[in-house]
Amino acid sequence: MKIAEVTEAPVVSSWITDITLADDDSVTVALNDGKRYRVEAVGDAVYQQWLNAPSKGRFFHEQIKNN
């Protein structure tokens, strides 16, 4: 059994506490209320943009949600 490699980054956000990129290009987003969401096919380039965005929540709503 292969264990997936992940890149985890704690973030400064009022809504998101952690954004984790898996080796299958999916991202798991941890929210401050304890909920976790998996987003498929994000990829490293978008993950890096997300980490560097001034507002992680705004980036999610404008670039990830509904795409």
N, C-alpha and C. Protein backbone atom coordinates (compact mmCIF):
# COMPACT_ATOMS: atom_id res chain seq x y z
N MET A 1 0.84 -1.17 0.00
CA MET A 1 0.00 0.00 0.00
C MET A 1 0.89 1.24 0.00
N LYS A 2 0.62 2.15 -0.91
CA LYS A 2 1.37 3.40 -0.99
C LYS A 2 0.66 4.47 -0.16
N ILE A 3 1.41 5.13 0.66
CA ILE A 3 0.88 6.25 1.43
C ILE A 3 1.16 7.52 0.63
N ALA A 4 0.13 8.32 0.42
CA ALA A 4 0.26 9.53 -0.40
C ALA A 4 1.20 10.54 0.26
N GLU A 5 1.99 11.18 -0.56
CA GLU A 5 2.81 12.28 -0.09
C GLU A 5 1.96 13.54 -0.11
N VAL A 6 2.12 14.37 0.90
CA VAL A 6 1.35 15.60 0.99
C VAL A 6 2.27 16.76 1.33
N THR A 7 1.84 17.93 0.91
CA THR A 7 2.50 19.18 1.29
C THR A 7 1.48 19.96 2.08
N GLU A 8 1.77 20.18 3.35
CA GLU A 8 0.81 20.82 4.24
C GLU A 8 1.30 22.21 4.60
N ALA A 9 0.40 23.18 4.57
CA ALA A 9 0.78 24.55 4.90
C ALA A 9 -0.27 25.19 5.81
N PRO A 10 0.10 25.45 7.07
CA PRO A 10 -0.80 26.23 7.91
C PRO A 10 -0.87 27.64 7.33
N VAL A 11 -2.01 28.24 7.38
CA VAL A 11 -2.18 29.57 6.78
C VAL A 11 -2.79 30.54 7.78
N VAL A 12 -2.58 31.81 7.53
CA VAL A 12 -3.20 32.86 8.33
C VAL A 12 -4.46 33.28 7.60
N SER A 13 -5.60 32.94 8.20
CA SER A 13 -6.89 33.24 7.60
C SER A 13 -7.94 33.19 8.71
N SER A 14 -8.99 33.98 8.57
CA SER A 14 -10.07 33.94 9.55
C SER A 14 -10.99 32.76 9.33
N TRP A 15 -10.87 32.07 8.21
CA TRP A 15 -11.77 30.99 7.83
C TRP A 15 -11.05 29.67 7.61
N ILE A 16 -9.88 29.69 6.99
CA ILE A 16 -9.14 28.49 6.63
C ILE A 16 -7.94 28.35 7.55
N THR A 17 -7.74 27.14 8.12
CA THR A 17 -6.61 26.92 9.02
C THR A 17 -5.46 26.18 8.36
N ASP A 18 -5.76 25.42 7.29
CA ASP A 18 -4.73 24.59 6.68
C ASP A 18 -5.13 24.23 5.25
N ILE A 19 -4.15 24.22 4.36
CA ILE A 19 -4.37 23.81 2.98
C ILE A 19 -3.31 22.76 2.67
N THR A 20 -3.74 21.55 2.29
CA THR A 20 -2.81 20.44 2.08
C THR A 20 -2.93 19.93 0.65
N LEU A 21 -1.80 19.88 -0.06
CA LEU A 21 -1.75 19.37 -1.42
C LEU A 21 -1.27 17.93 -1.38
N ALA A 22 -2.02 17.00 -1.98
CA ALA A 22 -1.63 15.60 -2.07
C ALA A 22 -0.94 15.35 -3.40
N ASP A 23 -0.25 14.21 -3.49
CA ASP A 23 0.48 13.90 -4.72
C ASP A 23 -0.44 13.59 -5.91
N ASP A 24 -1.74 13.47 -5.67
CA ASP A 24 -2.69 13.29 -6.79
C ASP A 24 -3.27 14.62 -7.25
N ASP A 25 -2.68 15.75 -6.81
CA ASP A 25 -3.08 17.11 -7.16
C ASP A 25 -4.40 17.55 -6.53
N SER A 26 -4.91 16.78 -5.57
CA SER A 26 -6.09 17.23 -4.83
C SER A 26 -5.62 18.05 -3.63
N VAL A 27 -6.52 18.87 -3.12
CA VAL A 27 -6.21 19.70 -1.96
C VAL A 27 -7.27 19.43 -0.90
N THR A 28 -6.81 19.30 0.35
CA THR A 28 -7.72 19.24 1.48
C THR A 28 -7.63 20.56 2.21
N VAL A 29 -8.80 21.15 2.45
CA VAL A 29 -8.89 22.45 3.10
C VAL A 29 -9.49 22.23 4.48
N ALA A 30 -8.81 22.67 5.53
CA ALA A 30 -9.32 22.59 6.89
C ALA A 30 -9.85 23.96 7.28
N LEU A 31 -11.07 23.98 7.78
CA LEU A 31 -11.69 25.24 8.19
C LEU A 31 -11.62 25.40 9.70
N ASN A 32 -11.79 26.62 10.17
CA ASN A 32 -11.66 26.89 11.60
C ASN A 32 -12.78 26.28 12.43
N ASP A 33 -13.84 25.78 11.80
CA ASP A 33 -14.92 25.11 12.54
C ASP A 33 -14.70 23.59 12.62
N GLY A 34 -13.53 23.12 12.14
CA GLY A 34 -13.20 21.71 12.21
C GLY A 34 -13.56 20.91 10.97
N LYS A 35 -14.32 21.49 10.06
CA LYS A 35 -14.69 20.78 8.83
C LYS A 35 -13.50 20.73 7.89
N ARG A 36 -13.47 19.66 7.07
CA ARG A 36 -12.41 19.49 6.06
C ARG A 36 -13.10 19.20 4.73
N TYR A 37 -12.58 19.79 3.68
CA TYR A 37 -13.11 19.58 2.33
C TYR A 37 -11.97 19.18 1.41
N ARG A 38 -12.27 18.26 0.50
CA ARG A 38 -11.29 17.84 -0.50
C ARG A 38 -11.71 18.43 -1.84
N VAL A 39 -10.75 19.02 -2.52
CA VAL A 39 -10.98 19.62 -3.83
C VAL A 39 -10.08 18.89 -4.82
N GLU A 40 -10.67 18.30 -5.85
CA GLU A 40 -9.93 17.51 -6.83
C GLU A 40 -9.24 18.40 -7.86
N ALA A 41 -8.15 17.90 -8.41
CA ALA A 41 -7.46 18.48 -9.58
C ALA A 41 -7.10 19.95 -9.43
N VAL A 42 -6.52 20.32 -8.30
CA VAL A 42 -6.08 21.70 -8.10
C VAL A 42 -4.70 21.90 -8.69
N GLY A 43 -3.76 21.05 -8.35
CA GLY A 43 -2.41 21.14 -8.88
C GLY A 43 -1.52 22.09 -8.11
N ASP A 44 -0.22 21.94 -8.32
CA ASP A 44 0.77 22.70 -7.57
C ASP A 44 0.74 24.19 -7.88
N ALA A 45 0.55 24.57 -9.14
CA ALA A 45 0.58 26.00 -9.50
C ALA A 45 -0.54 26.76 -8.80
N VAL A 46 -1.75 26.22 -8.82
CA VAL A 46 -2.89 26.89 -8.17
C VAL A 46 -2.71 26.84 -6.65
N TYR A 47 -2.19 25.72 -6.14
CA TYR A 47 -1.91 25.60 -4.70
C TYR A 47 -0.96 26.71 -4.25
N GLN A 48 0.11 26.94 -4.99
CA GLN A 48 1.08 27.98 -4.65
C GLN A 48 0.44 29.37 -4.72
N GLN A 49 -0.38 29.62 -5.74
CA GLN A 49 -1.09 30.90 -5.84
C GLN A 49 -2.00 31.10 -4.63
N TRP A 50 -2.68 30.03 -4.24
CA TRP A 50 -3.58 30.07 -3.09
C TRP A 50 -2.81 30.42 -1.82
N LEU A 51 -1.68 29.77 -1.60
CA LEU A 51 -0.88 30.06 -0.41
C LEU A 51 -0.39 31.50 -0.39
N ASN A 52 -0.10 32.05 -1.55
CA ASN A 52 0.42 33.42 -1.64
C ASN A 52 -0.66 34.48 -1.72
N ALA A 53 -1.92 34.08 -1.83
CA ALA A 53 -3.01 35.05 -1.94
C ALA A 53 -3.18 35.80 -0.62
N PRO A 54 -3.44 37.11 -0.68
CA PRO A 54 -3.63 37.88 0.55
C PRO A 54 -4.84 37.39 1.36
N SER A 55 -5.87 36.90 0.67
CA SER A 55 -7.05 36.35 1.34
C SER A 55 -7.29 34.94 0.82
N LYS A 56 -7.06 33.95 1.70
CA LYS A 56 -7.26 32.55 1.29
C LYS A 56 -8.72 32.26 0.99
N GLY A 57 -9.63 32.84 1.78
CA GLY A 57 -11.06 32.64 1.57
C GLY A 57 -11.54 33.26 0.26
N ARG A 58 -11.09 34.46 -0.03
CA ARG A 58 -11.47 35.11 -1.28
C ARG A 58 -10.93 34.32 -2.47
N PHE A 59 -9.68 33.85 -2.38
CA PHE A 59 -9.12 33.05 -3.47
C PHE A 59 -9.97 31.80 -3.68
N PHE A 60 -10.37 31.13 -2.58
CA PHE A 60 -11.21 29.96 -2.70
C PHE A 60 -12.50 30.28 -3.44
N HIS A 61 -13.17 31.34 -3.02
CA HIS A 61 -14.47 31.68 -3.63
C HIS A 61 -14.34 32.16 -5.07
N GLU A 62 -13.25 32.83 -5.41
CA GLU A 62 -13.10 33.36 -6.77
C GLU A 62 -12.43 32.38 -7.73
N GLN A 63 -11.52 31.53 -7.24
CA GLN A 63 -10.72 30.69 -8.14
C GLN A 63 -11.02 29.18 -8.05
N ILE A 64 -11.51 28.72 -6.90
CA ILE A 64 -11.68 27.29 -6.70
C ILE A 64 -13.16 26.87 -6.75
N LYS A 65 -13.98 27.51 -5.96
CA LYS A 65 -15.40 27.15 -5.86
C LYS A 65 -16.07 27.27 -7.23
N ASN A 66 -16.85 26.28 -7.57
CA ASN A 66 -17.60 26.24 -8.84
C ASN A 66 -16.73 26.14 -10.08
N ASN A 67 -15.46 25.83 -9.94
CA ASN A 67 -14.58 25.62 -11.10
C ASN A 67 -14.18 24.17 -11.17
